[in-house]
Each structure stands twice: as C-alpha cells, then as structure tokens.
C-alpha cells in the first residue's frame, strides 16, 4: 500500500511540475536606488521568479518543455515609500527541432514599469483584478506563451494575446497607466496588442508559424532544407508585399525584428536569391548592418 501511495505521489508531483509553462530566471539591479529603498526589495527578485515559475497561466495541461525566459529588472526610481519605477528586458526562447540550440523569440526593452511594493509583501495570482506589479508579470507571461504557441499552431497564441490585451486596457485606466496607454513611443504594450489583433497582421502571423514550424524546424534536415528556406523567405517577401498596409515602424515589427534579425540574416545566407538581403534592409532599416554583413558572407555583395 505504501509503495502504491508513493507511486501516486510521484506521478502527482511530476504532473504538477509539467503544469507550469515558464522557466524564468530573474535578475534585479538596484544601483540607482537609495539604501532604504534597496532594503525593502530584499526578497523581490526571488518573489518575482517564484511567481513566474510557480503559477499556471494556461487552462490546459502544458505539453513539452517549459519556455526558457529571462526577466532583467533595472530599478530607476523610488519615492522611498512603496512606489517604484523601473525598466525591464524580457527574453524568451524556443527549442529548434533536431538541434541543440534555441531560437530567440522575444527580446523586449520595456522602460515604463511602475508599481507599489511593500517589504516582503505577498504576490497573489489574481488575473481578475488589475495590479501594477503582478498584472505586469501576467502580461508578459501571456505574451511569451502567445508567441510560443503562434510558432507551433496557426494563430495558436490568440487566446493569450486576447487576455494580455485585456490587461493592457485595464492598465490604461489604472493609477499605473504609464506604459499601458497608447503613445507614440517606440515600444508600447497597448499598441503591440492592437497590432497582434489587427487583421492587417494576420498574414504575418500565419507566416510566423510557417517560419518556425515549417522553416527553422526543418532546416537541419537536408531533405527538407529547400522547403524550410522557402518558408523562411516567404515571411520576408510577404512583408515587402504588404509594406503599404503595414507600417514597418509598428511595434509588432520592432518586436519581431529585434528578436529575429540575426537569425534571419544567418539562415538566409543559404537562400538562392541573394536580393532577399536588399528587401530585408528596406523593411528593417534598424538592423541594416547585420544584413549587409550576411550579404557579404553569402556572396551577394562583391
């Protein structure tokens, strides 16, 4: 009987471990804060890491390995009471089929995070109520999962983007509205969600799926490499076709190319039509130097 119970407990624990979706490493930089503010944040880093890694952000049982992420917080100010402001760099990765390395999915600098935090306060998982601290964490958990799901299923991340969009709407009318309201900033949470839900970007989201699932996942197999390169290049070619409808300066395009420019430049060195680099330079000027370097290595520039 004891052996049977032990097996049940082991299976339950294994199931619980599989339930969470994220494997997040959190780092925190307090250098710009005064000593009294630093002392109040003594357990903040571990609490945020535990929040991400202990809570479940999807309804179903998560299959496959956890999504590897980093969440790097740089505190910029505090009123030495309970209100803090900071910047955060968020990254996430996705495994590539039949390869040891991963694909960078997100590489976001969010420089507008403000919230209240009291020393040793508990962080409760409650998506029904908006909170400047935990709703921000929920937003990025949902965003990370949404992009990951979009890479495995056509429009697979829609439910998570919808939930993240709801948080952005509620955040815009909260006392911590900075970063949640639509602005002309280079990066903005609300506009990113509007882009992801806009019909203009539905072809991009389909191409995003093909880029990963029928592109980089197939690249390592010589028998499917041509198909893989076709699907990788298709995303670029379709963005060029849609340039009149899609603003290349959109937040979604910035988020995509900030994560994928190096990967695109590397994979497309094997593509047979080297003019693809001219298109990349046109639709993604901020990363022009990467494309020029890869074009030289691919022999596209004499």
Protein backbone atom coordinates (compact mmCIF):
# COMPACT_ATOMS: atom_id res chain seq x y z
CA UNK A 1 0.00 0.00 0.00
CA UNK A 2 2.83 2.37 0.89
CA UNK A 3 4.51 1.62 -2.43
CA UNK A 4 1.26 2.34 -4.27
CA UNK A 5 0.84 5.64 -2.44
CA UNK A 6 4.44 6.57 -3.22
CA UNK A 7 3.84 5.98 -6.91
CA UNK A 8 0.70 8.17 -6.80
CA UNK A 9 2.62 10.96 -5.07
CA UNK A 10 5.48 10.78 -7.57
CA UNK A 11 3.05 10.90 -10.50
CA UNK A 12 1.19 13.83 -8.94
CA UNK A 13 4.42 15.76 -8.38
CA UNK A 14 5.57 15.03 -11.93
CA UNK A 15 2.22 16.24 -13.26
CA UNK A 16 2.49 19.40 -11.15
CA UNK A 17 5.95 20.09 -12.48
CA UNK A 18 4.67 19.79 -16.04
CA UNK A 19 1.75 22.09 -15.32
CA UNK A 20 3.74 25.32 -15.29
CA UNK A 21 4.65 26.80 -18.64
CA UNK A 22 7.63 29.00 -17.85
CA UNK A 23 11.20 28.56 -16.70
CA UNK A 24 12.18 32.14 -15.84
CA UNK A 25 15.44 33.49 -14.46
CA UNK A 26 15.03 36.90 -12.83
CA UNK A 27 17.84 39.38 -12.15
CA UNK A 28 17.46 42.74 -10.43
CA UNK A 29 19.66 45.86 -10.47
CA UNK A 30 19.11 48.28 -7.56
CA UNK A 31 22.11 50.58 -8.14
CA UNK A 32 20.09 53.72 -8.82
CA UNK A 33 18.04 53.40 -5.62
CA UNK A 34 18.82 54.78 -2.20
CA UNK A 35 19.75 52.36 0.56
CA UNK A 36 16.36 52.48 2.29
CA UNK A 37 14.59 51.51 -0.96
CA UNK A 38 17.06 48.71 -1.64
CA UNK A 39 16.46 47.20 1.77
CA UNK A 40 12.72 46.99 1.14
CA UNK A 41 13.37 44.99 -2.05
CA UNK A 42 15.46 42.35 -0.33
CA UNK A 43 13.23 39.43 -1.41
CA UNK A 44 11.82 40.99 -4.58
CA UNK A 45 13.96 39.06 -7.07
CA UNK A 46 13.12 35.64 -5.62
CA UNK A 47 9.44 36.52 -5.26
CA UNK A 48 9.13 37.53 -8.93
CA UNK A 49 10.98 34.41 -10.06
CA UNK A 50 8.76 32.20 -7.91
CA UNK A 51 5.66 33.98 -9.22
CA UNK A 52 6.54 33.16 -12.83
CA UNK A 53 7.69 29.62 -12.17
CA UNK A 54 5.00 28.55 -9.69
CA UNK A 55 1.83 29.87 -11.30
CA UNK A 56 -0.04 28.39 -14.24
CA UNK A 57 -1.02 30.85 -16.98
CA UNK A 58 -2.92 28.47 -19.28
CA UNK A 59 -6.06 26.40 -18.67
CA UNK A 60 -4.94 23.10 -20.15
CA UNK A 61 -2.08 20.79 -19.23
CA UNK A 62 1.13 22.22 -20.70
CA UNK A 63 2.86 19.77 -23.03
CA UNK A 64 6.51 19.86 -23.96
CA UNK A 65 9.35 21.59 -22.19
CA UNK A 66 8.94 24.82 -20.27
CA UNK A 67 9.66 28.07 -22.10
CA UNK A 68 13.06 29.42 -21.11
CA UNK A 69 12.90 33.14 -20.31
CA UNK A 70 14.84 35.92 -18.62
CA UNK A 71 13.38 38.92 -16.83
CA UNK A 72 16.01 41.55 -16.04
CA UNK A 73 14.79 44.44 -13.89
CA UNK A 74 16.63 47.77 -13.62
CA UNK A 75 15.10 49.99 -10.95
CA UNK A 76 15.27 53.67 -11.87
CA UNK A 77 13.48 55.46 -9.03
CA UNK A 78 11.54 55.16 -5.78
CA UNK A 79 9.68 57.57 -3.53
CA UNK A 80 11.30 55.71 -0.58
CA UNK A 81 7.83 54.64 0.47
CA UNK A 82 6.07 51.99 -1.62
CA UNK A 83 6.14 53.23 -5.23
CA UNK A 84 8.85 52.09 -7.64
CA UNK A 85 9.70 52.62 -11.29
CA UNK A 86 11.95 50.57 -13.49
CA UNK A 87 12.93 49.20 -16.86
CA UNK A 88 12.79 45.54 -17.82
CA UNK A 89 14.46 43.46 -20.51
CA UNK A 90 12.40 40.38 -21.35
CA UNK A 91 13.67 37.50 -23.47
CA UNK A 92 12.25 34.08 -24.30
CA UNK A 93 13.49 31.12 -26.33
CA UNK A 94 12.05 28.20 -28.23
CA UNK A 95 13.79 24.88 -29.00
CA UNK A 96 14.54 24.15 -32.65
CA UNK A 97 13.60 20.68 -33.85
CA UNK A 98 16.52 18.24 -34.07
CA UNK A 99 19.01 20.85 -32.90
CA UNK A 100 20.68 21.65 -29.58
CA UNK A 101 20.33 25.42 -29.84
CA UNK A 102 17.24 27.58 -29.34
CA UNK A 103 15.54 30.33 -31.32
CA UNK A 104 15.22 33.75 -29.68
CA UNK A 105 11.51 34.61 -29.65
CA UNK A 106 11.34 37.87 -27.72
CA UNK A 107 13.94 40.48 -26.84
CA UNK A 108 11.97 43.43 -25.46
CA UNK A 109 13.11 46.51 -23.56
CA UNK A 110 10.15 47.90 -21.63
CA UNK A 111 11.21 51.15 -19.98
CA UNK A 112 7.90 52.07 -18.36
CA UNK A 113 7.05 49.93 -15.36
CA UNK A 114 5.67 51.47 -12.18
CA UNK A 115 4.03 49.73 -9.22
CA UNK A 116 3.63 49.66 -5.46
CA UNK A 117 5.53 47.19 -3.32
CA UNK A 118 5.88 46.87 0.42
CA UNK A 119 8.71 44.93 2.01
CA UNK A 120 8.01 41.18 1.97
CA UNK A 121 4.50 41.65 0.57
CA UNK A 122 2.92 38.54 -0.92
CA UNK A 123 2.39 38.35 -4.67
CA UNK A 124 -1.01 36.80 -5.30
CA UNK A 125 -2.02 35.34 -8.65
CA UNK A 126 -5.34 37.02 -9.44
CA UNK A 127 -5.99 37.96 -13.05
CA UNK A 128 -9.49 39.21 -12.20
CA UNK A 129 -8.11 42.37 -10.60
CA UNK A 130 -5.50 44.73 -12.05
CA UNK A 131 -2.35 45.28 -10.02
CA UNK A 132 0.61 47.37 -11.16
CA UNK A 133 3.06 44.68 -10.08
CA UNK A 134 1.52 41.27 -10.76
CA UNK A 135 -0.56 42.29 -13.80
CA UNK A 136 2.66 43.40 -15.49
CA UNK A 137 4.13 39.95 -14.81
CA UNK A 138 0.93 38.29 -16.05
CA UNK A 139 1.02 40.37 -19.23
CA UNK A 140 4.50 39.20 -20.16
CA UNK A 141 3.79 35.59 -19.19
CA UNK A 142 0.82 35.62 -21.56
CA UNK A 143 2.80 37.40 -24.28
CA UNK A 144 5.64 34.86 -24.05
CA UNK A 145 3.20 31.93 -24.21
CA UNK A 146 1.27 33.56 -27.07
CA UNK A 147 4.33 33.95 -29.28
CA UNK A 148 5.46 30.43 -28.44
CA UNK A 149 2.04 28.99 -29.37
CA UNK A 150 1.92 31.02 -32.60
CA UNK A 151 5.11 29.25 -33.64
CA UNK A 152 3.56 25.77 -33.27
CA UNK A 153 -0.02 26.34 -34.45
CA UNK A 154 -1.52 28.87 -36.89
CA UNK A 155 -2.84 31.70 -34.68
CA UNK A 156 -2.19 29.44 -31.70
CA UNK A 157 -1.48 32.38 -29.40
CA UNK A 158 -4.76 34.23 -29.96
CA UNK A 159 -6.36 33.35 -26.62
CA UNK A 160 -3.27 34.51 -24.73
CA UNK A 161 -2.97 37.71 -26.75
CA UNK A 162 -6.63 38.44 -26.01
CA UNK A 163 -6.03 38.04 -22.28
CA UNK A 164 -2.91 40.20 -22.44
CA UNK A 165 -4.85 42.84 -24.38
CA UNK A 166 -7.50 42.88 -21.67
CA UNK A 167 -4.79 43.57 -19.09
CA UNK A 168 -3.43 46.41 -21.25
CA UNK A 169 -6.88 48.00 -21.45
CA UNK A 170 -7.37 47.80 -17.69
CA UNK A 171 -3.87 49.08 -17.07
CA UNK A 172 -4.52 52.18 -19.18
CA UNK A 173 -7.22 53.31 -16.76
CA UNK A 174 -5.30 52.42 -13.59
CA UNK A 175 -3.12 54.60 -11.38
CA UNK A 176 -0.14 52.96 -13.11
CA UNK A 177 -1.21 53.91 -16.64
CA UNK A 178 2.31 54.70 -17.87
CA UNK A 179 3.23 52.13 -20.50
CA UNK A 180 -0.31 50.81 -20.77
CA UNK A 181 -1.83 53.76 -22.63
CA UNK A 182 -1.33 54.14 -26.38
CA UNK A 183 1.55 56.51 -27.10
CA UNK A 184 3.98 57.22 -29.93
CA UNK A 185 6.83 55.56 -28.01
CA UNK A 186 8.98 53.11 -29.96
CA UNK A 187 7.70 50.31 -27.77
CA UNK A 188 4.25 50.32 -26.17
CA UNK A 189 2.32 47.40 -24.65
CA UNK A 190 -1.12 48.58 -25.73
CA UNK A 191 -0.12 49.19 -29.35
CA UNK A 192 1.66 45.84 -29.53
CA UNK A 193 -1.56 44.10 -28.56
CA UNK A 194 -3.56 46.19 -31.04
CA UNK A 195 -1.12 45.13 -33.78
CA UNK A 196 -1.36 41.44 -32.89
CA UNK A 197 -5.17 41.55 -33.04
CA UNK A 198 -5.36 43.68 -36.19
CA UNK A 199 -6.46 41.90 -39.39
CA UNK A 200 -3.61 43.61 -41.27
CA UNK A 201 -1.15 41.37 -39.44
CA UNK A 202 -2.95 38.04 -39.83
CA UNK A 203 -0.84 37.05 -42.85
CA UNK A 204 2.26 37.88 -40.84
CA UNK A 205 1.09 35.62 -38.01
CA UNK A 206 0.50 32.77 -40.48
CA UNK A 207 3.96 33.35 -41.93
CA UNK A 208 5.35 33.47 -38.38
CA UNK A 209 4.03 29.95 -37.84
CA UNK A 210 5.47 28.71 -41.15
CA UNK A 211 8.78 30.44 -40.43
CA UNK A 212 9.20 28.34 -37.29
CA UNK A 213 7.27 25.09 -37.75
CA UNK A 214 7.83 24.65 -41.50
CA UNK A 215 11.03 26.69 -41.64
CA UNK A 216 13.73 26.61 -38.99
CA UNK A 217 12.38 23.31 -37.56
CA UNK A 218 13.01 21.67 -40.96
CA UNK A 219 16.25 23.41 -41.85
CA UNK A 220 18.59 20.89 -40.24
CA UNK A 221 17.26 18.05 -42.43
CA UNK A 222 18.91 18.14 -45.91
CA UNK A 223 15.77 16.59 -47.44
CA UNK A 224 13.57 19.46 -46.24
CA UNK A 225 16.07 22.34 -46.31
CA UNK A 226 14.76 23.84 -49.54
CA UNK A 227 11.20 23.84 -48.17
CA UNK A 228 12.49 25.38 -44.96
CA UNK A 229 14.27 28.22 -46.75
CA UNK A 230 11.19 28.86 -48.88
CA UNK A 231 9.08 29.33 -45.76
CA UNK A 232 11.69 31.48 -44.02
CA UNK A 233 11.98 33.73 -47.07
CA UNK A 234 8.19 33.80 -47.56
CA UNK A 235 7.77 35.84 -44.39
CA UNK A 236 10.20 38.48 -45.70
CA UNK A 237 8.70 38.53 -49.19
CA UNK A 238 5.15 38.88 -47.84
CA UNK A 239 6.19 41.75 -45.59
CA UNK A 240 7.56 43.54 -48.65
CA UNK A 241 4.27 42.98 -50.49
CA UNK A 242 2.33 44.35 -47.51
CA UNK A 243 4.56 47.37 -46.94
CA UNK A 244 1.80 49.79 -47.98
CA UNK A 245 -0.65 48.28 -45.49
CA UNK A 246 1.76 47.52 -42.65
CA UNK A 247 3.84 50.25 -41.07
CA UNK A 248 7.42 48.87 -40.80
CA UNK A 249 7.81 51.06 -37.71
CA UNK A 250 4.93 49.29 -35.97
CA UNK A 251 5.57 47.91 -32.50
CA UNK A 252 4.95 44.34 -33.66
CA UNK A 253 7.52 44.67 -36.43
CA UNK A 254 10.01 46.13 -33.97
CA UNK A 255 9.43 43.26 -31.53
CA UNK A 256 9.79 40.69 -34.32
CA UNK A 257 12.96 42.07 -35.89
CA UNK A 258 14.62 42.86 -32.55
CA UNK A 259 14.39 39.15 -31.80
CA UNK A 260 14.81 37.67 -35.28
CA UNK A 261 17.10 39.93 -37.33
CA UNK A 262 20.26 37.97 -36.52
CA UNK A 263 18.56 34.63 -37.11
CA UNK A 264 17.08 35.79 -40.43
CA UNK A 265 20.44 37.09 -41.59
CA UNK A 266 22.09 33.78 -40.71
CA UNK A 267 19.56 31.38 -42.27
CA UNK A 268 19.08 33.40 -45.45
CA UNK A 269 22.76 33.20 -46.30
CA UNK A 270 21.77 29.80 -47.73
CA UNK A 271 18.87 31.23 -49.77
CA UNK A 272 19.34 31.10 -53.53
CA UNK A 273 18.10 34.62 -54.31
CA UNK A 274 20.54 37.00 -52.63
CA UNK A 275 18.32 40.01 -53.36
CA UNK A 276 16.46 38.91 -50.23
CA UNK A 277 19.01 40.99 -48.30
CA UNK A 278 18.04 44.13 -50.19
CA UNK A 279 14.45 43.51 -49.13
CA UNK A 280 15.49 42.99 -45.51
CA UNK A 281 17.42 46.25 -45.50
CA UNK A 282 14.36 48.02 -46.87
CA UNK A 283 11.78 46.59 -44.45
CA UNK A 284 14.06 46.57 -41.38
CA UNK A 285 16.49 49.53 -41.55
CA UNK A 286 17.46 49.44 -37.83
CA UNK A 287 19.31 46.15 -38.39
CA UNK A 288 20.83 47.07 -41.75
CA UNK A 289 24.41 46.31 -40.67
CA UNK A 290 23.52 42.68 -39.87
CA UNK A 291 22.03 42.17 -43.31
CA UNK A 292 24.94 43.83 -45.06
CA UNK A 293 27.42 41.59 -43.23
CA UNK A 294 25.45 38.42 -44.04
CA UNK A 295 25.05 39.52 -47.66
CA UNK A 296 28.83 39.80 -47.95
CA UNK A 297 29.34 36.36 -46.42
CA UNK A 298 26.72 34.92 -48.79
CA UNK A 299 28.43 36.46 -51.80
CA UNK A 300 25.56 38.85 -52.53
CA UNK A 301 27.92 41.83 -52.41
CA UNK A 302 31.18 41.80 -54.31
